[in-house]
Every structure is written in C-alpha cells, then in structure tokens.
Amino acid sequence: MREVLSRSYFAGPTVEVARSLIGKYLVRENGHGQIAGKIVEVEAYVGSEDKACHASKGRTQRTDVMFGPPGVAYVYLIYGMYHCLNVVTEGEDFPAAILIRAIEIEGRLIDGPGRLCREMGIDRTLNRIDLTQGDALWFEDRGQSVSKKAIGTFPRIGIDYAGEWANKLWRFRMQSETGAGRKTR
C-alpha cells in the first residue's frame, strides 16, 4: 500500500515528524518515470530561536517559504553548487523544516543532501511546490515500519556556529539491524 503523506502529517512537531520520516519514501516524477528512495537520514530545524535554522535571522525572501504551510518544499542552493531539499513542518508563521540528508535507492546509499538532490533531479525549480499532492515530488508511506531502536539520534552536521543549538540531537539516521550505525559523516 502506498500513501502520499498529507499536510496534516507534516503539521506535527518537527522533531517528531523528522524521526517518523525514517523509512518513508521520497518519490520524484521526472518526466521519464519515477525514482523512489527510502529515507535513511534527516535533520530537524525548529523555529527562529534555533540558531542553526535559516529563519533564525528573520523572514527573508529565501526563508519566506519556511513560514508557510506544512508539506511544502524548501529547496535552496549551498556553496553555489549543491541543492538541498527540506519539507516545511508545523504551522504557518512558525518557521520549521526537515532537511532530507540521505536515501537508499535499490540498496544503494545516496548520502548527503547535495548528492540526493542531484540523483533525484531536485533543484530550485521545485522550491515551494506542495509535496502533499503526489505530482512532481512527494513523500510516501509504503507500510514498512522502522522500530525506534533502529533509529539513531545525533547532533546535526556543520552547525558549530549555533552555540547550544549545535548540541541538539535532532539528526536521525537509520541503523543497521545489529544496532551499529551507518556512516554518520
């Protein structure tokens, strides 16, 4: 059974939604067919108080999408060359989002948000699209549950500048069956 994740799914607390995305699928319709990857790593960014969140410096042209409805794509470019996909969470006027960091496609790990976007053909043309419609890009629940023991929690990557916020365990990554972690970079 395949079910497109709804707006109400993404309206929940960001950290809880982030953890629940592990094991769900990211699906891309690219005009030649579909590419689907099982989500194995995500990071949560919660509100303007979170110094690692793009919205910590206020509402700008770039971050405006984070203040919109849940279930919408926030795609941005980093280092002038890598796209990153986020899904907006919680409610309007509260800037929160989840960065999709890694997926598995047919057993092959696509690790890193830039590689993921390149593999799936995600760029800024998909910024602000509604991810709850099942059109060009969406999330699916395929009925496979992941136990809490199989999900590791870690600090987010590359945010040392964020002070106390750098210590939040808001990165979630699927672990191997034995409990040993996959590469966590």
C-alpha atoms as a PDB file:
ATOM      1  CA  MET A   1       0.000   0.000   0.000  1.00  0.00           C
ATOM      2  CA  ARG A   2       1.370   3.399  -0.991  1.00  0.00           C
ATOM      3  CA  GLU A   3       0.007   6.531   0.612  1.00  0.00           C
ATOM      4  CA  VAL A   4       1.135  10.089  -0.126  1.00  0.00           C
ATOM      5  CA  LEU A   5       1.879  11.833   3.171  1.00  0.00           C
ATOM      6  CA  SER A   6      -0.685  14.530   3.876  1.00  0.00           C
ATOM      7  CA  ARG A   7      -0.392  18.127   5.029  1.00  0.00           C
ATOM      8  CA  SER A   8      -1.641  17.104   8.481  1.00  0.00           C
ATOM      9  CA  TYR A   9       1.263  14.623   8.724  1.00  0.00           C
ATOM     10  CA  PHE A  10       3.763  17.481   8.353  1.00  0.00           C
ATOM     11  CA  ALA A  11       1.809  19.781  10.712  1.00  0.00           C
ATOM     12  CA  GLY A  12       3.086  17.932  13.778  1.00  0.00           C
ATOM     13  CA  PRO A  13       6.086  18.844  15.943  1.00  0.00           C
ATOM     14  CA  THR A  14       9.149  18.982  13.691  1.00  0.00           C
ATOM     15  CA  VAL A  15      11.399  16.678  15.723  1.00  0.00           C
ATOM     16  CA  GLU A  16       8.682  14.004  15.900  1.00  0.00           C
ATOM     17  CA  VAL A  17       7.908  14.300  12.195  1.00  0.00           C
ATOM     18  CA  ALA A  18      11.627  14.089  11.382  1.00  0.00           C
ATOM     19  CA  ARG A  19      12.042  10.832  13.295  1.00  0.00           C
ATOM     20  CA  SER A  20       8.892   9.417  11.689  1.00  0.00           C
ATOM     21  CA  LEU A  21      10.217  10.110   8.153  1.00  0.00           C
ATOM     22  CA  ILE A  22      12.921   7.461   8.584  1.00  0.00           C
ATOM     23  CA  GLY A  23      11.796   4.507   6.467  1.00  0.00           C
ATOM     24  CA  LYS A  24       9.312   6.542   4.412  1.00  0.00           C
ATOM     25  CA  TYR A  25       9.984   7.158   0.713  1.00  0.00           C
ATOM     26  CA  LEU A  26      10.859  10.246  -1.264  1.00  0.00           C
ATOM     27  CA  VAL A  27       9.419   9.926  -4.774  1.00  0.00           C
ATOM     28  CA  ARG A  28      10.296  12.012  -7.832  1.00  0.00           C
ATOM     29  CA  GLU A  29       8.377  12.007 -11.114  1.00  0.00           C
ATOM     30  CA  ASN A  30      10.944  13.290 -13.596  1.00  0.00           C
ATOM     31  CA  GLY A  31       9.003  13.029 -16.863  1.00  0.00           C
ATOM     32  CA  HIS A  32      10.643   9.691 -17.731  1.00  0.00           C
ATOM     33  CA  GLY A  33       9.229   7.738 -14.806  1.00  0.00           C
ATOM     34  CA  GLN A  34       9.578   7.643 -11.061  1.00  0.00           C
ATOM     35  CA  ILE A  35      12.621   7.463  -8.821  1.00  0.00           C
ATOM     36  CA  ALA A  36      11.952   6.428  -5.229  1.00  0.00           C
ATOM     37  CA  GLY A  37      14.361   6.337  -2.322  1.00  0.00           C
ATOM     38  CA  LYS A  38      13.882   5.132   1.225  1.00  0.00           C
ATOM     39  CA  ILE A  39      14.706   7.956   3.644  1.00  0.00           C
ATOM     40  CA  VAL A  40      17.565   6.966   5.956  1.00  0.00           C
ATOM     41  CA  GLU A  41      18.738  10.300   7.397  1.00  0.00           C
ATOM     42  CA  VAL A  42      17.131  13.665   8.191  1.00  0.00           C
ATOM     43  CA  GLU A  43      17.757  16.752  10.339  1.00  0.00           C
ATOM     44  CA  ALA A  44      15.179  18.939  12.113  1.00  0.00           C
ATOM     45  CA  TYR A  45      15.333  22.750  12.227  1.00  0.00           C
ATOM     46  CA  VAL A  46      12.830  24.273  14.627  1.00  0.00           C
ATOM     47  CA  GLY A  47      11.841  27.923  14.717  1.00  0.00           C
ATOM     48  CA  SER A  48      13.581  31.259  14.723  1.00  0.00           C
ATOM     49  CA  GLU A  49      15.153  30.579  18.153  1.00  0.00           C
ATOM     50  CA  ASP A  50      17.124  27.632  16.671  1.00  0.00           C
ATOM     51  CA  LYS A  51      20.394  29.358  15.713  1.00  0.00           C
ATOM     52  CA  ALA A  52      21.069  26.657  13.087  1.00  0.00           C
ATOM     53  CA  CYS A  53      17.733  27.293  11.354  1.00  0.00           C
ATOM     54  CA  HIS A  54      17.816  29.577   8.310  1.00  0.00           C
ATOM     55  CA  ALA A  55      14.921  31.528   9.826  1.00  0.00           C
ATOM     56  CA  SER A  56      16.981  32.492  12.889  1.00  0.00           C
ATOM     57  CA  LYS A  57      17.858  35.747  11.144  1.00  0.00           C
ATOM     58  CA  GLY A  58      14.218  36.519  10.387  1.00  0.00           C
ATOM     59  CA  ARG A  59      11.881  36.293   7.460  1.00  0.00           C
ATOM     60  CA  THR A  60      13.703  36.950   4.185  1.00  0.00           C
ATOM     61  CA  GLN A  61      12.965  36.288   0.547  1.00  0.00           C
ATOM     62  CA  ARG A  62      14.883  32.999   0.881  1.00  0.00           C
ATOM     63  CA  THR A  63      13.260  31.846   4.128  1.00  0.00           C
ATOM     64  CA  ASP A  64       9.718  33.064   3.469  1.00  0.00           C
ATOM     65  CA  VAL A  65       8.698  29.557   2.368  1.00  0.00           C
ATOM     66  CA  MET A  66       9.513  28.257   5.876  1.00  0.00           C
ATOM     67  CA  PHE A  67       6.778  30.498   7.300  1.00  0.00           C
ATOM     68  CA  GLY A  68       4.165  28.950   5.001  1.00  0.00           C
ATOM     69  CA  PRO A  69       2.003  25.857   5.249  1.00  0.00           C
ATOM     70  CA  PRO A  70       3.429  22.470   6.211  1.00  0.00           C
ATOM     71  CA  GLY A  71       4.152  19.942   3.485  1.00  0.00           C
ATOM     72  CA  VAL A  72       5.760  22.445   1.108  1.00  0.00           C
ATOM     73  CA  ALA A  73       9.277  22.091  -0.355  1.00  0.00           C
ATOM     74  CA  TYR A  74      12.051  24.443   0.712  1.00  0.00           C
ATOM     75  CA  VAL A  75      14.878  23.953  -1.808  1.00  0.00           C
ATOM     76  CA  TYR A  76      17.972  26.113  -1.600  1.00  0.00           C
ATOM     77  CA  LEU A  77      21.476  26.216  -3.043  1.00  0.00           C
ATOM     78  CA  ILE A  78      24.592  25.956  -0.850  1.00  0.00           C
ATOM     79  CA  TYR A  79      28.189  26.687  -1.819  1.00  0.00           C
ATOM     80  CA  GLY A  80      26.822  27.927  -5.139  1.00  0.00           C
ATOM     81  CA  MET A  81      26.501  24.372  -6.449  1.00  0.00           C
ATOM     82  CA  TYR A  82      24.528  21.957  -4.244  1.00  0.00           C
ATOM     83  CA  HIS A  83      20.775  21.908  -3.820  1.00  0.00           C
ATOM     84  CA  CYS A  84      19.223  20.819  -0.526  1.00  0.00           C
ATOM     85  CA  LEU A  85      15.640  19.605  -0.046  1.00  0.00           C
ATOM     86  CA  ASN A  86      13.652  20.432   3.075  1.00  0.00           C
ATOM     87  CA  VAL A  87       9.996  19.918   3.874  1.00  0.00           C
ATOM     88  CA  VAL A  88       8.252  22.665   5.856  1.00  0.00           C
ATOM     89  CA  THR A  89       6.622  21.499   9.101  1.00  0.00           C
ATOM     90  CA  GLU A  90       4.352  22.654  11.916  1.00  0.00           C
ATOM     91  CA  GLY A  91       2.083  25.644  11.222  1.00  0.00           C
ATOM     92  CA  GLU A  92       2.043  28.811   9.176  1.00  0.00           C
ATOM     93  CA  ASP A  93       4.129  31.664  10.593  1.00  0.00           C
ATOM     94  CA  PHE A  94       6.298  29.220  12.594  1.00  0.00           C
ATOM     95  CA  PRO A  95       9.460  28.580  10.551  1.00  0.00           C
ATOM     96  CA  ALA A  96      10.455  24.928  10.815  1.00  0.00           C
ATOM     97  CA  ALA A  97      11.640  22.348   8.318  1.00  0.00           C
ATOM     98  CA  ILE A  98      13.305  18.972   7.906  1.00  0.00           C
ATOM     99  CA  LEU A  99      16.400  18.554   5.738  1.00  0.00           C
ATOM    100  CA  ILE A 100      16.471  15.251   3.848  1.00  0.00           C
ATOM    101  CA  ARG A 101      20.114  14.092   4.171  1.00  0.00           C
ATOM    102  CA  ALA A 102      20.250  10.538   2.793  1.00  0.00           C
ATOM    103  CA  ILE A 103      18.177   7.936   0.971  1.00  0.00           C
ATOM    104  CA  GLU A 104      18.625   4.394  -0.318  1.00  0.00           C
ATOM    105  CA  ILE A 105      17.677   3.585  -3.898  1.00  0.00           C
ATOM    106  CA  GLU A 106      17.591  -0.152  -4.620  1.00  0.00           C
ATOM    107  CA  GLY A 107      20.066  -0.829  -1.808  1.00  0.00           C
ATOM    108  CA  ARG A 108      22.461   1.961  -2.876  1.00  0.00           C
ATOM    109  CA  LEU A 109      23.102   4.676  -0.296  1.00  0.00           C
ATOM    110  CA  ILE A 110      22.844   8.255  -1.593  1.00  0.00           C
ATOM    111  CA  ASP A 111      24.496  10.054   1.322  1.00  0.00           C
ATOM    112  CA  GLY A 112      24.467  13.836   1.600  1.00  0.00           C
ATOM    113  CA  PRO A 113      21.728  16.327   0.725  1.00  0.00           C
ATOM    114  CA  GLY A 114      23.532  17.623  -2.387  1.00  0.00           C
ATOM    115  CA  ARG A 115      24.095  14.131  -3.819  1.00  0.00           C
ATOM    116  CA  LEU A 116      20.500  13.218  -3.032  1.00  0.00           C
ATOM    117  CA  CYS A 117      19.171  16.225  -4.945  1.00  0.00           C
ATOM    118  CA  ARG A 118      21.477  15.585  -7.893  1.00  0.00           C
ATOM    119  CA  GLU A 119      20.442  11.904  -8.061  1.00  0.00           C
ATOM    120  CA  MET A 120      16.735  12.763  -7.967  1.00  0.00           C
ATOM    121  CA  GLY A 121      16.853  15.857 -10.199  1.00  0.00           C
ATOM    122  CA  ILE A 122      15.782  18.244  -7.438  1.00  0.00           C
ATOM    123  CA  ASP A 123      16.659  21.907  -7.859  1.00  0.00           C
ATOM    124  CA  ARG A 124      15.220  25.331  -7.026  1.00  0.00           C
ATOM    125  CA  THR A 125      12.522  24.966  -9.679  1.00  0.00           C
ATOM    126  CA  LEU A 126      10.843  22.711  -7.090  1.00  0.00           C
ATOM    127  CA  ASN A 127      11.065  25.292  -4.292  1.00  0.00           C
ATOM    128  CA  ARG A 128       7.609  25.961  -2.811  1.00  0.00           C
ATOM    129  CA  ILE A 129       5.869  23.033  -4.507  1.00  0.00           C
ATOM    130  CA  ASP A 130       3.232  21.236  -2.488  1.00  0.00           C
ATOM    131  CA  LEU A 131       4.717  17.870  -1.522  1.00  0.00           C
ATOM    132  CA  THR A 132       1.307  16.516  -0.455  1.00  0.00           C
ATOM    133  CA  GLN A 133      -0.187  16.311  -3.970  1.00  0.00           C
ATOM    134  CA  GLY A 134       1.774  13.398  -5.478  1.00  0.00           C
ATOM    135  CA  ASP A 135       2.807  15.378  -8.572  1.00  0.00           C
ATOM    136  CA  ALA A 136       6.498  16.059  -9.320  1.00  0.00           C
ATOM    137  CA  LEU A 137       7.880  15.290  -5.838  1.00  0.00           C
ATOM    138  CA  TRP A 138       6.280  13.764  -2.756  1.00  0.00           C
ATOM    139  CA  PHE A 139       6.689  11.529   0.288  1.00  0.00           C
ATOM    140  CA  GLU A 140       5.074   8.092   0.598  1.00  0.00           C
ATOM    141  CA  ASP A 141       4.327   5.698   3.404  1.00  0.00           C
ATOM    142  CA  ARG A 142       4.722   2.210   1.956  1.00  0.00           C
ATOM    143  CA  GLY A 143       3.556   0.433   5.089  1.00  0.00           C
ATOM    144  CA  GLN A 144       7.012  -0.545   6.348  1.00  0.00           C
ATOM    145  CA  SER A 145       7.597   0.394   9.959  1.00  0.00           C
ATOM    146  CA  VAL A 146      11.002   1.119  11.477  1.00  0.00           C
ATOM    147  CA  SER A 147      11.491   0.358  15.170  1.00  0.00           C
ATOM    148  CA  LYS A 148      12.705   3.153  17.441  1.00  0.00           C
ATOM    149  CA  LYS A 149      15.784   1.032  18.253  1.00  0.00           C
ATOM    150  CA  ALA A 150      16.709   1.096  14.558  1.00  0.00           C
ATOM    151  CA  ILE A 151      16.889   4.920  14.506  1.00  0.00           C
ATOM    152  CA  GLY A 152      19.998   6.605  15.874  1.00  0.00           C
ATOM    153  CA  THR A 153      19.973  10.197  17.141  1.00  0.00           C
ATOM    154  CA  PHE A 154      22.933  12.502  16.597  1.00  0.00           C
ATOM    155  CA  PRO A 155      23.878  16.188  16.603  1.00  0.00           C
ATOM    156  CA  ARG A 156      23.237  17.982  13.336  1.00  0.00           C
ATOM    157  CA  ILE A 157      26.148  18.381  10.924  1.00  0.00           C
ATOM    158  CA  GLY A 158      28.086  21.573  10.178  1.00  0.00           C
ATOM    159  CA  ILE A 159      26.434  23.909  12.676  1.00  0.00           C
ATOM    160  CA  ASP A 160      29.170  24.545  15.242  1.00  0.00           C
ATOM    161  CA  TYR A 161      28.365  28.270  14.982  1.00  0.00           C
ATOM    162  CA  ALA A 162      24.925  27.678  16.547  1.00  0.00           C
ATOM    163  CA  GLY A 163      26.100  27.570  20.169  1.00  0.00           C
ATOM    164  CA  GLU A 164      23.889  25.454  22.433  1.00  0.00           C
ATOM    165  CA  TRP A 165      21.722  24.580  19.420  1.00  0.00           C
ATOM    166  CA  ALA A 166      24.628  22.604  17.942  1.00  0.00           C
ATOM    167  CA  ASN A 167      24.186  20.028  20.722  1.00  0.00           C
ATOM    168  CA  LYS A 168      20.553  19.206  19.956  1.00  0.00           C
ATOM    169  CA  LEU A 169      20.165  15.562  18.922  1.00  0.00           C
ATOM    170  CA  TRP A 170      17.926  16.440  16.001  1.00  0.00           C
ATOM    171  CA  ARG A 171      19.582  14.323  13.310  1.00  0.00           C
ATOM    172  CA  PHE A 172      18.000  10.916  12.838  1.00  0.00           C
ATOM    173  CA  ARG A 173      19.620   8.074  10.918  1.00  0.00           C
ATOM    174  CA  MET A 174      18.557   4.505  10.239  1.00  0.00           C
ATOM    175  CA  GLN A 175      20.885   1.995  11.900  1.00  0.00           C
ATOM    176  CA  SER A 176      21.798  -1.494  10.738  1.00  0.00           C
ATOM    177  CA  GLU A 177      19.893  -4.500  12.050  1.00  0.00           C
ATOM    178  CA  THR A 178      22.634  -5.123  14.643  1.00  0.00           C
ATOM    179  CA  GLY A 179      22.283  -1.618  16.020  1.00  0.00           C
ATOM    180  CA  ALA A 180      25.635  -0.487  14.656  1.00  0.00           C
ATOM    181  CA  GLY A 181      25.427   2.894  12.983  1.00  0.00           C
ATOM    182  CA  ARG A 182      25.787   3.513   9.306  1.00  0.00           C
ATOM    183  CA  LYS A 183      28.371   6.050   8.309  1.00  0.00           C
ATOM    184  CA  THR A 184      27.426   9.288  10.074  1.00  0.00           C
ATOM    185  CA  ARG A 185      29.980  11.684   8.492  1.00  0.00           C
END
